[in-house]
C-alpha atoms as a PDB file:
ATOM      1  CA  MET A   1      -3.816   6.656   8.523  1.00  0.00           C
ATOM      2  CA  ILE A   2      -2.625   9.579  10.445  1.00  0.00           C
ATOM      3  CA  ALA A   3      -2.415  12.038   7.611  1.00  0.00           C
ATOM      4  CA  TYR A   4      -5.769  11.217   6.249  1.00  0.00           C
ATOM      5  CA  SER A   5      -7.482  11.274   9.540  1.00  0.00           C
ATOM      6  CA  GLU A   6      -5.892  14.808   9.919  1.00  0.00           C
ATOM      7  CA  LEU A   7      -7.437  15.922   6.587  1.00  0.00           C
ATOM      8  CA  LEU A   8     -11.018  14.819   7.773  1.00  0.00           C
ATOM      9  CA  ASN A   9     -10.641  16.298  11.125  1.00  0.00           C
ATOM     10  CA  ILE A  10      -9.641  19.912   9.237  1.00  0.00           C
ATOM     11  CA  GLN A  11     -12.688  19.267   7.011  1.00  0.00           C
ATOM     12  CA  GLY A  12     -14.930  19.161   9.851  1.00  0.00           C
ATOM     13  CA  THR A  13     -15.404  15.140  10.180  1.00  0.00           C
ATOM     14  CA  VAL A  14     -14.309  14.041  13.597  1.00  0.00           C
ATOM     15  CA  SER A  15     -11.932  11.404  13.212  1.00  0.00           C
ATOM     16  CA  GLU A  16      -9.177   9.260  14.954  1.00  0.00           C
ATOM     17  CA  SER A  17      -6.485   7.112  13.869  1.00  0.00           C
ATOM     18  CA  VAL A  18      -6.339   3.316  14.632  1.00  0.00           C
ATOM     19  CA  TYR A  19      -4.108   0.192  13.759  1.00  0.00           C
ATOM     20  CA  SER A  20      -3.410  -3.303  15.205  1.00  0.00           C
ATOM     21  CA  GLY A  21      -0.532  -5.308  15.365  1.00  0.00           C
ATOM     22  CA  GLU A  22       2.901  -3.884  16.263  1.00  0.00           C
ATOM     23  CA  LEU A  23       4.593  -0.994  14.620  1.00  0.00           C
ATOM     24  CA  ASP A  24       7.518  -1.711  12.198  1.00  0.00           C
ATOM     25  CA  LEU A  25      10.708  -0.583  12.498  1.00  0.00           C
ATOM     26  CA  GLU A  26      10.283   2.357   9.887  1.00  0.00           C
ATOM     27  CA  THR A  27       7.064   3.602  11.541  1.00  0.00           C
ATOM     28  CA  ALA A  28       8.592   3.556  15.334  1.00  0.00           C
ATOM     29  CA  PHE A  29      11.715   5.595  13.664  1.00  0.00           C
ATOM     30  CA  VAL A  30       9.866   8.326  12.533  1.00  0.00           C
ATOM     31  CA  LYS A  31       7.230   8.368  15.690  1.00  0.00           C
ATOM     32  CA  ASP A  32      10.695   8.671  17.921  1.00  0.00           C
ATOM     33  CA  TYR A  33      11.786  11.211  15.424  1.00  0.00           C
ATOM     34  CA  THR A  34       8.573  13.353  15.230  1.00  0.00           C
ATOM     35  CA  ASN A  35       7.755  12.720  18.520  1.00  0.00           C
ATOM     36  CA  TYR A  36       4.127  12.754  17.261  1.00  0.00           C
ATOM     37  CA  PHE A  37       1.865   9.842  17.003  1.00  0.00           C
ATOM     38  CA  PRO A  38      -1.991  10.545  17.314  1.00  0.00           C
ATOM     39  CA  LEU A  39      -2.224   6.906  16.605  1.00  0.00           C
ATOM     40  CA  LYS A  40      -4.473   4.441  18.695  1.00  0.00           C
ATOM     41  CA  GLN A  41      -4.678   0.742  18.602  1.00  0.00           C
ATOM     42  CA  CYS A  42      -7.537  -1.357  17.869  1.00  0.00           C
ATOM     43  CA  GLY A  43      -9.944  -1.620  20.598  1.00  0.00           C
ATOM     44  CA  ASP A  44     -12.523  -4.439  20.948  1.00  0.00           C
ATOM     45  CA  SER A  45     -15.760  -2.308  19.999  1.00  0.00           C
ATOM     46  CA  TYR A  46     -16.426   1.010  18.430  1.00  0.00           C
ATOM     47  CA  PRO A  47     -19.759   3.306  18.818  1.00  0.00           C
ATOM     48  CA  PRO A  48     -22.301   1.417  16.653  1.00  0.00           C
ATOM     49  CA  ASP A  49     -22.381   4.179  14.284  1.00  0.00           C
ATOM     50  CA  SER A  50     -18.522   4.329  13.327  1.00  0.00           C
ATOM     51  CA  LYS A  51     -17.476   4.462  10.079  1.00  0.00           C
ATOM     52  CA  PHE A  52     -13.893   3.614   8.987  1.00  0.00           C
ATOM     53  CA  VAL A  53     -11.634   4.273   6.176  1.00  0.00           C
ATOM     54  CA  LEU A  54      -9.254   1.519   5.065  1.00  0.00           C
ATOM     55  CA  VAL A  55      -5.609   3.408   4.170  1.00  0.00           C
ATOM     56  CA  ASP A  56      -2.465   1.117   2.297  1.00  0.00           C
ATOM     57  CA  THR A  57      -4.807  -2.144   2.324  1.00  0.00           C
ATOM     58  CA  ALA A  58      -7.696  -3.689   0.336  1.00  0.00           C
ATOM     59  CA  ASN A  59      -7.937  -6.993   2.005  1.00  0.00           C
ATOM     60  CA  PRO A  60     -10.586  -7.338   4.416  1.00  0.00           C
ATOM     61  CA  ASP A  61      -9.180 -10.615   5.646  1.00  0.00           C
ATOM     62  CA  ILE A  62      -6.414  -8.794   7.334  1.00  0.00           C
ATOM     63  CA  ILE A  63      -8.136  -6.054   9.019  1.00  0.00           C
ATOM     64  CA  ASP A  64      -9.016  -6.190  12.719  1.00  0.00           C
ATOM     65  CA  SER A  65     -11.987  -8.271  13.288  1.00  0.00           C
ATOM     66  CA  SER A  66     -14.008  -5.894  15.225  1.00  0.00           C
ATOM     67  CA  ILE A  67     -14.262  -3.503  12.283  1.00  0.00           C
ATOM     68  CA  PRO A  68     -17.383  -4.677  10.275  1.00  0.00           C
ATOM     69  CA  VAL A  69     -16.679  -4.456   6.842  1.00  0.00           C
ATOM     70  CA  ASP A  70     -19.907  -3.161   5.658  1.00  0.00           C
ATOM     71  CA  SER A  71     -19.044   0.269   7.770  1.00  0.00           C
ATOM     72  CA  ILE A  72     -15.880   0.635   5.650  1.00  0.00           C
ATOM     73  CA  THR A  73     -16.630   3.642   3.430  1.00  0.00           C
ATOM     74  CA  LYS A  74     -13.612   4.513   1.856  1.00  0.00           C
ATOM     75  CA  VAL A  75     -10.532   2.372   0.475  1.00  0.00           C
ATOM     76  CA  PHE A  76      -7.037   3.713  -0.543  1.00  0.00           C
ATOM     77  CA  ASP A  77      -4.646   1.351  -1.859  1.00  0.00           C
ATOM     78  CA  HIS A  78      -1.918   1.260  -4.522  1.00  0.00           C
ATOM     79  CA  ARG A  79      -1.951  -2.464  -5.386  1.00  0.00           C
ATOM     80  CA  GLN A  80      -2.913  -4.526  -8.127  1.00  0.00           C
ATOM     81  CA  LEU A  81      -4.005  -7.423  -6.435  1.00  0.00           C
ATOM     82  CA  VAL A  82      -7.180  -6.140  -4.378  1.00  0.00           C
ATOM     83  CA  PHE A  83     -10.524  -7.568  -3.228  1.00  0.00           C
ATOM     84  CA  THR A  84     -12.677  -4.424  -3.952  1.00  0.00           C
ATOM     85  CA  ASN A  85     -15.753  -6.785  -4.640  1.00  0.00           C
ATOM     86  CA  ARG A  86     -15.769  -7.497  -0.930  1.00  0.00           C
ATOM     87  CA  PHE A  87     -16.329  -3.407   0.099  1.00  0.00           C
ATOM     88  CA  SER A  88     -20.058  -3.217  -1.202  1.00  0.00           C
ATOM     89  CA  ASN A  89     -20.146   0.101   0.862  1.00  0.00           C
ATOM     90  CA  ALA A  90     -16.888   1.970   0.111  1.00  0.00           C
ATOM     91  CA  GLU A  91     -15.947   4.381  -2.389  1.00  0.00           C
ATOM     92  CA  LEU A  92     -12.711   3.228  -3.702  1.00  0.00           C
ATOM     93  CA  HIS A  93      -9.498   4.807  -4.577  1.00  0.00           C
ATOM     94  CA  ILE A  94      -7.181   2.036  -5.731  1.00  0.00           C
ATOM     95  CA  GLU A  95      -4.676   3.261  -8.153  1.00  0.00           C
ATOM     96  CA  LEU A  96      -1.305   1.860  -9.199  1.00  0.00           C
ATOM     97  CA  VAL A  97       1.471   4.237  -7.662  1.00  0.00           C
ATOM     98  CA  GLY A  98       4.434   3.330  -5.864  1.00  0.00           C
ATOM     99  CA  SER A  99       2.938   4.343  -2.520  1.00  0.00           C
ATOM    100  CA  CYS A 100      -0.419   4.709  -0.893  1.00  0.00           C
ATOM    101  CA  ALA A 101       0.956   7.642   0.723  1.00  0.00           C
ATOM    102  CA  THR A 102       0.977   9.429  -2.516  1.00  0.00           C
ATOM    103  CA  LEU A 103      -2.721   9.178  -3.043  1.00  0.00           C
ATOM    104  CA  ILE A 104      -3.258  10.654   0.519  1.00  0.00           C
ATOM    105  CA  ALA A 105      -1.020  13.624  -0.307  1.00  0.00           C
ATOM    106  CA  GLU A 106      -3.052  14.120  -3.579  1.00  0.00           C
ATOM    107  CA  GLU A 107      -6.192  14.224  -1.194  1.00  0.00           C
ATOM    108  CA  PHE A 108      -4.576  17.422   0.617  1.00  0.00           C
ATOM    109  CA  GLN A 109      -3.824  19.012  -2.676  1.00  0.00           C
ATOM    110  CA  LYS A 110      -7.138  18.223  -4.128  1.00  0.00           C
ATOM    111  CA  ASN A 111      -8.642  20.122  -1.223  1.00  0.00           C
ATOM    112  CA  ASP A 112      -6.267  22.916  -1.112  1.00  0.00           C
ATOM    113  CA  VAL A 113      -5.326  21.911   2.067  1.00  0.00           C
ATOM    114  CA  ILE A 114      -1.396  21.706   3.727  1.00  0.00           C
ATOM    115  CA  PRO A 115      -0.764  19.047   5.722  1.00  0.00           C
ATOM    116  CA  SER A 116       1.093  19.865   9.038  1.00  0.00           C
ATOM    117  CA  GLN A 117       4.687  19.265   9.321  1.00  0.00           C
ATOM    118  CA  ASN A 118       4.792  16.338  11.402  1.00  0.00           C
ATOM    119  CA  THR A 119       2.163  14.588   8.979  1.00  0.00           C
ATOM    120  CA  SER A 120       4.453  15.803   5.749  1.00  0.00           C
ATOM    121  CA  ILE A 121       7.072  13.638   7.406  1.00  0.00           C
ATOM    122  CA  TYR A 122       4.959  10.767   7.831  1.00  0.00           C
ATOM    123  CA  LEU A 123       3.726  10.568   4.438  1.00  0.00           C
ATOM    124  CA  TYR A 124       7.246  11.563   3.025  1.00  0.00           C
ATOM    125  CA  SER A 125       8.773   8.786   5.079  1.00  0.00           C
ATOM    126  CA  ALA A 126       6.209   6.517   3.459  1.00  0.00           C
ATOM    127  CA  ILE A 127       6.901   7.088  -0.040  1.00  0.00           C
ATOM    128  CA  ILE A 128      10.420   7.172   0.121  1.00  0.00           C
ATOM    129  CA  PHE A 129      10.484   3.684   1.883  1.00  0.00           C
ATOM    130  CA  SER A 130       7.567   2.135  -0.318  1.00  0.00           C
ATOM    131  CA  THR A 131       9.741   3.047  -3.754  1.00  0.00           C
ATOM    132  CA  ILE A 132      12.859   2.444  -2.332  1.00  0.00           C
ATOM    133  CA  ASN A 133      14.311   5.956  -2.624  1.00  0.00           C
ATOM    134  CA  PHE A 134      12.248   6.040  -6.006  1.00  0.00           C
ATOM    135  CA  GLN A 135      14.386   2.806  -7.379  1.00  0.00           C
ATOM    136  CA  ASN A 136      11.591   0.387  -7.561  1.00  0.00           C
ATOM    137  CA  ALA A 137       9.643  -0.446 -10.878  1.00  0.00           C
ATOM    138  CA  VAL A 138       6.307   0.711  -9.658  1.00  0.00           C
ATOM    139  CA  THR A 139       7.923   4.351  -8.946  1.00  0.00           C
ATOM    140  CA  THR A 140       5.621   6.972 -10.692  1.00  0.00           C
ATOM    141  CA  ASP A 141       5.953  10.598 -11.272  1.00  0.00           C
ATOM    142  CA  ARG A 142       3.424  11.105  -9.247  1.00  0.00           C
ATOM    143  CA  ASP A 143       5.222   9.533  -6.056  1.00  0.00           C
ATOM    144  CA  ILE A 144       8.546  11.972  -7.227  1.00  0.00           C
ATOM    145  CA  GLN A 145       6.008  15.048  -7.184  1.00  0.00           C
ATOM    146  CA  ALA A 146       4.154  13.961  -4.048  1.00  0.00           C
ATOM    147  CA  ALA A 147       7.544  13.675  -2.194  1.00  0.00           C
ATOM    148  CA  LYS A 148       9.019  16.516  -3.722  1.00  0.00           C
ATOM    149  CA  TRP A 149       5.941  18.487  -2.255  1.00  0.00           C
ATOM    150  CA  LEU A 150       5.987  16.794   1.177  1.00  0.00           C
ATOM    151  CA  PHE A 151      10.029  17.240   1.289  1.00  0.00           C
ATOM    152  CA  SER A 152       9.356  21.239   1.116  1.00  0.00           C
ATOM    153  CA  LEU A 153       6.824  21.229   3.820  1.00  0.00           C
ATOM    154  CA  SER A 154       8.593  18.823   6.328  1.00  0.00           C
ATOM    155  CA  GLY A 155      11.658  20.608   7.391  1.00  0.00           C
ATOM    156  CA  LEU A 156      13.816  17.518   6.990  1.00  0.00           C
ATOM    157  CA  ASP A 157      17.517  17.573   5.093  1.00  0.00           C
ATOM    158  CA  GLU A 158      19.018  14.794   2.766  1.00  0.00           C
ATOM    159  CA  ASN A 159      20.296  12.816   5.300  1.00  0.00           C
ATOM    160  CA  TYR A 160      17.286  12.226   6.837  1.00  0.00           C
ATOM    161  CA  LYS A 161      16.541   9.139   4.331  1.00  0.00           C
ATOM    162  CA  ASN A 162      19.898   7.229   5.096  1.00  0.00           C
ATOM    163  CA  LYS A 163      18.467   7.320   8.797  1.00  0.00           C
ATOM    164  CA  LEU A 164      15.112   5.979   7.927  1.00  0.00           C
ATOM    165  CA  PHE A 165      16.693   3.180   5.809  1.00  0.00           C
ATOM    166  CA  SER A 166      19.266   2.562   8.732  1.00  0.00           C
ATOM    167  CA  ALA A 167      16.577   1.855  11.311  1.00  0.00           C
ATOM    168  CA  LYS A 168      14.858  -0.640   9.170  1.00  0.00           C
ATOM    169  CA  SER A 169      17.979  -2.447   9.066  1.00  0.00           C
ATOM    170  CA  LYS A 170      18.482  -3.101  12.778  1.00  0.00           C
ATOM    171  CA  ILE A 171      17.827  -6.747  12.486  1.00  0.00           C
ATOM    172  CA  SER A 172      19.212  -9.489  14.574  1.00  0.00           C
ATOM    173  CA  SER A 173      18.532 -13.583  15.004  1.00  0.00           C
ATOM    174  CA  SER A 174      16.212 -12.473  17.725  1.00  0.00           C
ATOM    175  CA  ASN A 175      13.982 -10.182  16.124  1.00  0.00           C
ATOM    176  CA  LEU A 176      13.809 -11.277  12.604  1.00  0.00           C
ATOM    177  CA  TYR A 177      10.702 -13.407  12.829  1.00  0.00           C
ATOM    178  CA  GLU A 178       9.067 -10.394  14.580  1.00  0.00           C
ATOM    179  CA  ILE A 179       9.977  -8.280  11.659  1.00  0.00           C
ATOM    180  CA  LEU A 180       8.968 -10.615   8.987  1.00  0.00           C
ATOM    181  CA  SER A 181       5.245 -11.300  10.760  1.00  0.00           C
ATOM    182  CA  GLN A 182       4.593  -7.551  11.214  1.00  0.00           C
ATOM    183  CA  ASP A 183       4.608  -6.853   7.645  1.00  0.00           C
ATOM    184  CA  PHE A 184       3.619 -10.762   6.379  1.00  0.00           C
ATOM    185  CA  SER A 185       1.018 -10.888   3.591  1.00  0.00           C
ATOM    186  CA  ALA A 186      -0.638 -14.517   3.168  1.00  0.00           C
ATOM    187  CA  LYS A 187      -3.709 -15.090   0.581  1.00  0.00           C
ATOM    188  CA  THR A 188      -5.967 -17.947  -0.352  1.00  0.00           C
ATOM    189  CA  LEU A 189      -5.883 -17.810  -4.060  1.00  0.00           C
ATOM    190  CA  SER A 190      -7.400 -20.568  -6.157  1.00  0.00           C
ATOM    191  CA  GLU A 191      -8.134 -22.617  -2.917  1.00  0.00           C
ATOM    192  CA  THR A 192      -4.006 -22.631  -2.183  1.00  0.00           C
ATOM    193  CA  ARG A 193      -2.404 -21.075   0.609  1.00  0.00           C
ATOM    194  CA  VAL A 194       0.579 -18.955  -0.128  1.00  0.00           C
ATOM    195  CA  GLY A 195       2.696 -16.354   1.651  1.00  0.00           C
ATOM    196  CA  ILE A 196       5.154 -13.865   0.854  1.00  0.00           C
ATOM    197  CA  ALA A 197       7.484 -12.164   3.288  1.00  0.00           C
ATOM    198  CA  GLN A 198       9.472  -8.915   2.395  1.00  0.00           C
ATOM    199  CA  ILE A 199      12.151  -6.780   4.243  1.00  0.00           C
ATOM    200  CA  GLU A 200      13.673  -3.898   2.687  1.00  0.00           C
ATOM    201  CA  MET A 201      17.051  -2.879   4.417  1.00  0.00           C
ATOM    202  CA  VAL A 202      20.686  -2.257   3.918  1.00  0.00           C
ATOM    203  CA  GLY A 203      22.517  -5.266   3.837  1.00  0.00           C
ATOM    204  CA  ILE A 204      20.429  -7.692   2.536  1.00  0.00           C
ATOM    205  CA  SER A 205      23.454 -10.080   1.953  1.00  0.00           C
ATOM    206  CA  ARG A 206      23.041 -10.984   5.635  1.00  0.00           C
ATOM    207  CA  MET A 207      20.117 -13.150   5.055  1.00  0.00           C
ATOM    208  CA  GLU A 208      22.795 -15.337   3.002  1.00  0.00           C
ATOM    209  CA  GLY A 209      25.425 -15.047   5.952  1.00  0.00           C
ATOM    210  CA  ASP A 210      24.928 -14.773   9.539  1.00  0.00           C
ATOM    211  CA  LEU A 211      21.089 -14.609   9.329  1.00  0.00           C
ATOM    212  CA  ARG A 212      20.502 -17.266   7.044  1.00  0.00           C
ATOM    213  CA  GLU A 213      19.761 -20.063   9.821  1.00  0.00           C
ATOM    214  CA  SER A 214      17.331 -17.708  11.705  1.00  0.00           C
ATOM    215  CA  LEU A 215      15.466 -16.656   8.392  1.00  0.00           C
ATOM    216  CA  GLU A 216      14.746 -20.142   7.089  1.00  0.00           C
ATOM    217  CA  LYS A 217      13.586 -20.834  10.841  1.00  0.00           C
ATOM    218  CA  ALA A 218      11.257 -17.827  10.672  1.00  0.00           C
ATOM    219  CA  LEU A 219      10.016 -18.939   7.218  1.00  0.00           C
ATOM    220  CA  LYS A 220       9.405 -22.290   8.568  1.00  0.00           C
ATOM    221  CA  LYS A 221       7.368 -21.035  11.483  1.00  0.00           C
ATOM    222  CA  LEU A 222       5.498 -18.621   9.303  1.00  0.00           C
ATOM    223  CA  LYS A 223       4.584 -21.273   6.771  1.00  0.00           C
ATOM    224  CA  ASP A 224       3.095 -23.387   9.902  1.00  0.00           C
ATOM    225  CA  ASP A 225       1.707 -20.358  11.569  1.00  0.00           C
ATOM    226  CA  TYR A 226      -0.351 -19.384   8.446  1.00  0.00           C
ATOM    227  CA  SER A 227      -1.269 -22.828   7.086  1.00  0.00           C
ATOM    228  CA  LEU A 228       0.724 -22.315   3.858  1.00  0.00           C
ATOM    229  CA  LYS A 229       1.378 -24.538   0.897  1.00  0.00           C
ATOM    230  CA  TYR A 230       3.879 -22.109  -0.384  1.00  0.00           C
ATOM    231  CA  ILE A 231       5.844 -19.154   1.127  1.00  0.00           C
ATOM    232  CA  PHE A 232       8.614 -16.923  -0.572  1.00  0.00           C
ATOM    233  CA  PHE A 233      11.023 -14.500   0.754  1.00  0.00           C
ATOM    234  CA  ASN A 234      11.765 -11.260  -1.301  1.00  0.00           C
ATOM    235  CA  GLY A 235      14.431  -9.182   0.512  1.00  0.00           C
ATOM    236  CA  ILE A 236      15.613  -5.786  -0.909  1.00  0.00           C
ATOM    237  CA  ASP A 237      18.820  -4.088  -0.693  1.00  0.00           C
ATOM    238  CA  VAL A 238      18.014  -0.280  -0.536  1.00  0.00           C
ATOM    239  CA  ILE A 239      21.652   0.709  -1.557  1.00  0.00           C
ATOM    240  CA  GLU A 240      22.679  -1.788  -3.734  1.00  0.00           C
ATOM    241  CA  GLY A 241      19.400  -2.227  -5.613  1.00  0.00           C
ATOM    242  CA  TYR A 242      18.681  -5.652  -5.692  1.00  0.00           C
ATOM    243  CA  SER A 243      16.401  -8.175  -4.690  1.00  0.00           C
ATOM    244  CA  LEU A 244      17.397 -11.492  -3.037  1.00  0.00           C
ATOM    245  CA  PHE A 245      14.702 -14.219  -3.318  1.00  0.00           C
ATOM    246  CA  VAL A 246      14.881 -17.058  -0.781  1.00  0.00           C
ATOM    247  CA  THR A 247      12.879 -20.224  -0.657  1.00  0.00           C
ATOM    248  CA  ILE A 248      13.076 -23.138   1.850  1.00  0.00           C
ATOM    249  CA  ASP A 249      11.050 -26.189   0.525  1.00  0.00           C
ATOM    250  CA  PRO A 250      11.036 -27.915  -3.082  1.00  0.00           C
ATOM    251  CA  ASP A 251       7.652 -27.227  -3.624  1.00  0.00           C
ATOM    252  CA  SER A 252       7.875 -23.135  -3.328  1.00  0.00           C
ATOM    253  CA  LEU A 253      11.201 -23.229  -5.357  1.00  0.00           C
ATOM    254  CA  ASP A 254       9.598 -25.133  -8.235  1.00  0.00           C
ATOM    255  CA  ILE A 255       6.181 -22.798  -8.186  1.00  0.00           C
ATOM    256  CA  PHE A 256       7.840 -19.526  -7.673  1.00  0.00           C
ATOM    257  CA  SER A 257      10.518 -20.243 -10.566  1.00  0.00           C
ATOM    258  CA  SER A 258       7.486 -20.921 -12.725  1.00  0.00           C
ATOM    259  CA  ILE A 259       5.521 -18.171 -11.609  1.00  0.00           C
ATOM    260  CA  LEU A 260       8.311 -15.383 -12.122  1.00  0.00           C
ATOM    261  CA  GLU A 261       9.874 -17.112 -15.088  1.00  0.00           C
ATOM    262  CA  ILE A 262      13.182 -17.933 -13.651  1.00  0.00           C
ATOM    263  CA  PRO A 263      14.241 -21.290 -14.378  1.00  0.00           C
ATOM    264  CA  GLU A 264      17.241 -20.862 -12.832  1.00  0.00           C
ATOM    265  CA  LEU A 265      15.933 -20.087  -9.644  1.00  0.00           C
ATOM    266  CA  GLU A 266      17.785 -21.385  -6.488  1.00  0.00           C
ATOM    267  CA  TYR A 267      16.898 -21.306  -3.014  1.00  0.00           C
ATOM    268  CA  SER A 268      18.676 -18.209  -2.677  1.00  0.00           C
ATOM    269  CA  HIS A 269      18.754 -15.827  -5.664  1.00  0.00           C
ATOM    270  CA  LYS A 270      19.851 -12.404  -6.293  1.00  0.00           C
ATOM    271  CA  TYR A 271      17.787 -10.714  -8.826  1.00  0.00           C
ATOM    272  CA  SER A 272      18.378  -7.058 -10.406  1.00  0.00           C
ATOM    273  CA  PRO A 273      16.311  -4.795 -10.489  1.00  0.00           C
ATOM    274  CA  ILE A 274      14.494  -4.413  -7.338  1.00  0.00           C
ATOM    275  CA  VAL A 275      11.128  -6.704  -7.584  1.00  0.00           C
ATOM    276  CA  MET A 276       8.200  -5.704  -5.214  1.00  0.00           C
ATOM    277  CA  ARG A 277       6.171  -7.714  -3.567  1.00  0.00           C
ATOM    278  CA  LYS A 278       3.247  -6.255  -4.664  1.00  0.00           C
ATOM    279  CA  GLN A 279       4.460  -6.834  -8.230  1.00  0.00           C
ATOM    280  CA  ILE A 280       4.621 -10.741  -7.518  1.00  0.00           C
ATOM    281  CA  TRP A 281       1.367 -11.082  -6.061  1.00  0.00           C
ATOM    282  CA  PRO A 282      -0.895 -10.586  -9.683  1.00  0.00           C
ATOM    283  CA  LYS A 283       1.590 -13.248 -11.036  1.00  0.00           C
ATOM    284  CA  VAL A 284       0.840 -15.557  -8.118  1.00  0.00           C
ATOM    285  CA  GLU A 285      -2.694 -14.993  -8.776  1.00  0.00           C
ATOM    286  CA  ALA A 286      -2.534 -15.672 -12.420  1.00  0.00           C
ATOM    287  CA  TYR A 287      -0.439 -18.725 -12.446  1.00  0.00           C
ATOM    288  CA  LEU A 288      -2.620 -20.542  -9.740  1.00  0.00           C
ATOM    289  CA  SER A 289      -6.046 -19.554 -11.319  1.00  0.00           C
ATOM    290  CA  THR A 290      -4.437 -21.325 -14.521  1.00  0.00           C
ATOM    291  CA  HIS A 291      -2.614 -24.364 -13.115  1.00  0.00           C
ATOM    292  CA  LEU A 292      -4.067 -25.080  -9.473  1.00  0.00           C
ATOM    293  CA  GLN A 293      -7.712 -24.194  -9.675  1.00  0.00           C
ATOM    294  CA  LYS A 294      -8.304 -27.633  -7.703  1.00  0.00           C
ATOM    295  CA  THR A 295      -5.305 -27.396  -5.040  1.00  0.00           C
ATOM    296  CA  PRO A 296      -6.783 -28.150  -1.642  1.00  0.00           C
ATOM    297  CA  LYS A 297      -5.711 -25.779   1.007  1.00  0.00           C
END
């Protein structure tokens, strides 16, 4: 958001960045690191002629309710499961790369514009984090090349990545629910409510140890809060390079065992290599559309 707004302003289109909800830990880290945050929380209303660009989402159900969908003129996202039919007036930039920040970096390059140092840091951080430092299966050469270009503009050193991932790992029983809810993803597919929580951190094994009880409580609360039939947790260890799948009820265990084609799936299950949530959602949609078309919400 910050980066694309900067590009628009350089090109002569007056723009400002807005967001809803709370900042996640990695964004808060970059904000403090750069001491630069030209981003405002969504207001209750906007001027009647306002136009909007969505960055890193193509799901109209999760955008702020004060933003009219027909006022959205562009959408940038990197996920396969999107809701593009809902954006009748928008120019769509939906491409299967590892990070949406890659698409924004490429917009700068296409327009022969060099992003500011702080914006380069934001974009670089997003690529590193979204691709788990290029370890996950959805990483593309475009992500790698964009990150190299941004790193050359950022003034960062190689140790920055460790600091970034460490910031996301400051998780305790007192903040676990908040962290899960900040980036929680829930969808209605084939009339069925499904939610997937995801955390990327150093030491994901804590979710099987000292944070296990807190994780179960948080997932149960999310299931109730979002009126879900199924809920799934995907924890990613950014150093060890594996996913930890967690379910909390027999129905979710059974259906995700089928969706992921893991017959031996357990309530807590280590899986290698890393799997990202955006890889899981298309499998969920495909399975539900075939098996549960008439399941009530």
